[in-house]
Protein backbone atom coordinates (compact mmCIF):
# COMPACT_ATOMS: atom_id res chain seq x y z
CA UNK A 1 109.81 105.39 112.50
CA UNK A 2 111.55 106.17 115.98
CA UNK A 3 115.04 107.23 116.38
CA UNK A 4 117.11 107.06 119.64
CA UNK A 5 117.12 110.07 121.64
CA UNK A 6 120.72 111.25 120.40
CA UNK A 7 122.19 114.69 119.72
CA UNK A 8 122.30 115.39 115.76
CA UNK A 9 124.29 117.98 114.19
CA UNK A 10 120.90 119.31 112.95
CA UNK A 11 117.74 120.46 114.90
CA UNK A 12 114.93 118.20 115.74
CA UNK A 13 113.00 119.99 112.87
CA UNK A 14 115.70 119.15 110.63
CA UNK A 15 115.45 115.32 111.76
CA UNK A 16 111.82 115.35 111.27
CA UNK A 17 112.36 116.61 107.72
CA UNK A 18 114.77 113.96 106.90
CA UNK A 19 112.25 111.52 108.20
CA UNK A 20 109.18 113.38 105.84
CA UNK A 21 111.63 113.33 102.84
CA UNK A 22 111.60 109.76 102.57
CA UNK A 23 108.10 108.92 104.07
CA UNK A 24 106.42 107.73 100.75
CA UNK A 25 109.42 105.31 99.69
CA UNK A 26 108.93 101.66 100.34
CA UNK A 27 110.26 100.52 103.61
CA UNK A 28 113.46 98.76 102.70
CA UNK A 29 114.26 101.79 100.46
CA UNK A 30 113.29 104.22 103.05
CA UNK A 31 115.80 102.78 105.52
CA UNK A 32 118.49 102.62 102.93
CA UNK A 33 118.04 106.30 102.29
CA UNK A 34 117.83 107.56 105.91
CA UNK A 35 121.14 105.62 106.49
CA UNK A 36 122.73 107.15 103.56
CA UNK A 37 121.72 110.58 104.75
CA UNK A 38 122.49 109.99 108.33
CA UNK A 39 126.08 109.00 107.42
CA UNK A 40 126.54 112.54 106.31
CA UNK A 41 125.69 114.15 109.71
CA UNK A 42 127.92 114.21 112.78
CA UNK A 43 126.39 112.04 115.50
CA UNK A 44 127.77 111.81 118.93
CA UNK A 45 126.45 108.56 119.93
CA UNK A 46 124.98 105.09 118.42
CA UNK A 47 121.75 105.44 116.21
CA UNK A 48 118.94 103.01 116.40
CA UNK A 49 116.21 103.06 113.72
CA UNK A 50 113.03 101.25 114.19
CA UNK A 51 110.48 101.22 111.23
CA UNK A 52 106.84 100.28 111.74
CA UNK A 53 104.88 99.95 108.46
CA UNK A 54 101.16 100.16 108.40
CA UNK A 55 99.91 97.54 105.92
CA UNK A 56 98.45 99.39 102.80
CA UNK A 57 94.89 99.21 102.10
CA UNK A 58 95.44 99.21 98.14
CA UNK A 59 97.93 97.88 95.82
CA UNK A 60 99.51 100.31 93.51
CA UNK A 61 97.80 100.64 90.08
CA UNK A 62 100.06 100.48 87.20
CA UNK A 63 99.36 103.36 84.73
CA UNK A 64 102.33 103.34 82.17
CA UNK A 65 105.32 101.25 81.38
CA UNK A 66 107.54 102.83 78.87
CA UNK A 67 111.17 101.58 77.94
CA UNK A 68 113.31 103.81 75.54
CA UNK A 69 116.80 103.94 74.29
CA UNK A 70 118.71 106.61 76.57
CA UNK A 71 118.94 109.16 73.68
CA UNK A 72 117.49 112.69 73.46
CA UNK A 73 115.66 111.95 70.23
CA UNK A 74 113.32 109.38 71.91
CA UNK A 75 112.34 111.81 74.69
CA UNK A 76 109.46 113.10 72.63
CA UNK A 77 107.84 109.84 72.51
CA UNK A 78 108.12 109.33 76.18
CA UNK A 79 106.53 112.85 76.82
CA UNK A 80 103.80 112.12 74.56
CA UNK A 81 102.77 108.53 76.44
CA UNK A 82 103.24 110.26 79.78
CA UNK A 83 100.88 113.27 78.73
CA UNK A 84 98.20 110.68 77.23
CA UNK A 85 98.27 108.51 80.42
CA UNK A 86 97.90 111.71 82.54
CA UNK A 87 95.03 113.02 80.52
CA UNK A 88 93.43 109.60 80.88
CA UNK A 89 93.60 109.67 84.50
CA UNK A 90 92.21 113.36 84.49
CA UNK A 91 95.12 115.41 85.72
CA UNK A 92 94.42 118.99 85.04
CA UNK A 93 96.57 120.38 82.22
CA UNK A 94 98.81 122.78 83.98
CA UNK A 95 99.57 120.07 86.60
CA UNK A 96 100.11 117.53 83.83
CA UNK A 97 102.60 119.73 81.91
CA UNK A 98 104.69 120.41 85.08
CA UNK A 99 104.74 116.67 85.75
CA UNK A 100 105.75 115.59 82.37
CA UNK A 101 108.40 118.54 82.10
CA UNK A 102 109.99 117.18 85.54
CA UNK A 103 110.02 113.50 84.42
CA UNK A 104 111.41 114.94 81.03
CA UNK A 105 114.23 116.88 82.80
CA UNK A 106 115.08 113.59 84.87
CA UNK A 107 115.40 111.59 81.70
CA UNK A 108 117.63 114.28 79.96
CA UNK A 109 119.60 114.20 83.10
CA UNK A 110 120.27 110.43 83.04
CA UNK A 111 121.23 110.64 79.26
CA UNK A 112 123.56 113.58 79.78
CA UNK A 113 125.17 112.73 83.16
CA UNK A 114 124.58 108.95 83.98
CA UNK A 115 125.17 107.81 80.65
CA UNK A 116 127.28 110.55 79.20
CA UNK A 117 128.67 110.65 75.72
CA UNK A 118 130.55 107.38 75.65
CA UNK A 119 127.97 104.92 77.00
CA UNK A 120 124.69 103.57 75.62
CA UNK A 121 121.85 102.00 77.32
CA UNK A 122 118.18 102.23 78.13
CA UNK A 123 115.69 104.10 80.37
CA UNK A 124 112.65 102.52 81.85
CA UNK A 125 109.63 104.67 83.07
CA UNK A 126 106.92 103.18 85.26
CA UNK A 127 104.05 105.25 86.36
CA UNK A 128 101.81 103.87 89.11
CA UNK A 129 99.15 105.37 91.55
CA UNK A 130 98.31 104.47 94.92
CA UNK A 131 95.41 106.12 96.28
CA UNK A 132 95.90 109.96 95.62
CA UNK A 133 99.85 109.58 95.19
CA UNK A 134 101.43 109.45 91.49
CA UNK A 135 104.77 107.49 91.50
CA UNK A 136 107.02 108.06 88.47
CA UNK A 137 109.99 105.32 88.65
CA UNK A 138 113.06 105.83 86.09
CA UNK A 139 115.43 103.18 86.00
CA UNK A 140 118.83 103.02 84.03
CA UNK A 141 121.73 100.67 83.31
CA UNK A 142 124.27 103.39 83.94
CA UNK A 143 127.35 103.44 86.54
CA UNK A 144 125.79 104.10 89.82
CA UNK A 145 126.20 107.48 90.91
CA UNK A 146 126.49 108.96 94.54
CA UNK A 147 122.95 110.15 95.74
CA UNK A 148 124.57 112.78 97.79
CA UNK A 149 125.99 114.69 94.76
CA UNK A 150 122.45 115.01 93.28
CA UNK A 151 121.23 118.21 95.08
CA UNK A 152 119.17 120.84 93.90
CA UNK A 153 120.37 124.43 93.52
CA UNK A 154 118.11 127.66 94.18
CA UNK A 155 116.47 128.42 90.66
CA UNK A 156 118.04 131.76 90.49
CA UNK A 157 121.48 130.25 90.73
CA UNK A 158 120.99 127.76 87.83
CA UNK A 159 122.65 128.34 84.62
CA UNK A 160 121.17 127.22 81.44
CA UNK A 161 121.01 123.51 81.27
CA UNK A 162 121.21 123.37 85.22
CA UNK A 163 117.59 123.60 85.84
CA UNK A 164 116.79 119.95 86.04
CA UNK A 165 116.92 118.87 89.80
CA UNK A 166 115.77 122.13 91.15
CA UNK A 167 112.67 121.77 88.62
CA UNK A 168 112.15 118.21 90.06
CA UNK A 169 112.53 119.45 93.81
CA UNK A 170 109.81 122.27 92.90
CA UNK A 171 107.25 120.20 91.12
CA UNK A 172 107.41 116.78 93.01
CA UNK A 173 106.41 116.33 96.79
CA UNK A 174 109.39 113.87 97.29
CA UNK A 175 112.01 112.15 95.18
CA UNK A 176 115.13 109.96 95.83
CA UNK A 177 117.84 108.24 93.81
CA UNK A 178 119.39 105.08 94.61
CA UNK A 179 121.30 102.02 93.17
CA UNK A 180 118.94 99.79 91.29
CA UNK A 181 118.23 96.65 93.26
CA UNK A 182 119.97 93.56 92.48
CA UNK A 183 121.87 94.94 89.15
CA UNK A 184 124.04 97.76 88.14
CA UNK A 185 122.14 101.19 87.34
CA UNK A 186 120.28 103.63 89.06
CA UNK A 187 116.67 104.02 90.27
CA UNK A 188 114.88 107.35 90.73
CA UNK A 189 111.60 107.76 92.10
CA UNK A 190 109.52 110.78 92.08
CA UNK A 191 106.12 111.07 93.90
CA UNK A 192 103.29 113.74 93.64
CA UNK A 193 100.06 113.75 95.70
CA UNK A 194 97.32 114.88 93.69
CA UNK A 195 94.53 116.67 95.34
CA UNK A 196 90.84 116.25 94.26
CA UNK A 197 91.10 119.66 92.48
CA UNK A 198 94.21 118.30 90.54
CA UNK A 199 91.86 116.07 88.56
CA UNK A 200 89.39 117.32 86.13
């Protein structure tokens, strides 16, 4: 992706970080996420984005597809299914537990904040692998949320019950949230690169 040589309200390192943050997303998703972030910056000129995508050698391997009603009592079954999937894949136990906890926190946030006390719906979890990258995609039917308001806080500043986004940010390499394509709801994608040492 090449951006026009304009002046940003952030440094060139900040621009590189912005690009890297969305680097593992699909092309159309990546562009929407970049545009969403750029709208929050002060730009002094027109902006041009050019996305060049290298063909992928391997399609993603589907590892798990799990659907559940968005209620807290269903999280245990999801955790068990995800843990079993990661065990079968050979992810070492300490990393497996961190990944399960991060996905569990994401689901709990969907239940608590996206749906809230007055709405019912479902949560879909799809886990896939493309070479050494694991992807965890969560979808819901809750009202669309503003991605700009979903930001991690330093762990030391989080009160009880406020650790979810900070934990996800710590465990995962990249993550982003966007409106679900073609319908109401939200799509949260979390990605983690697993080095060889991460597999037993």
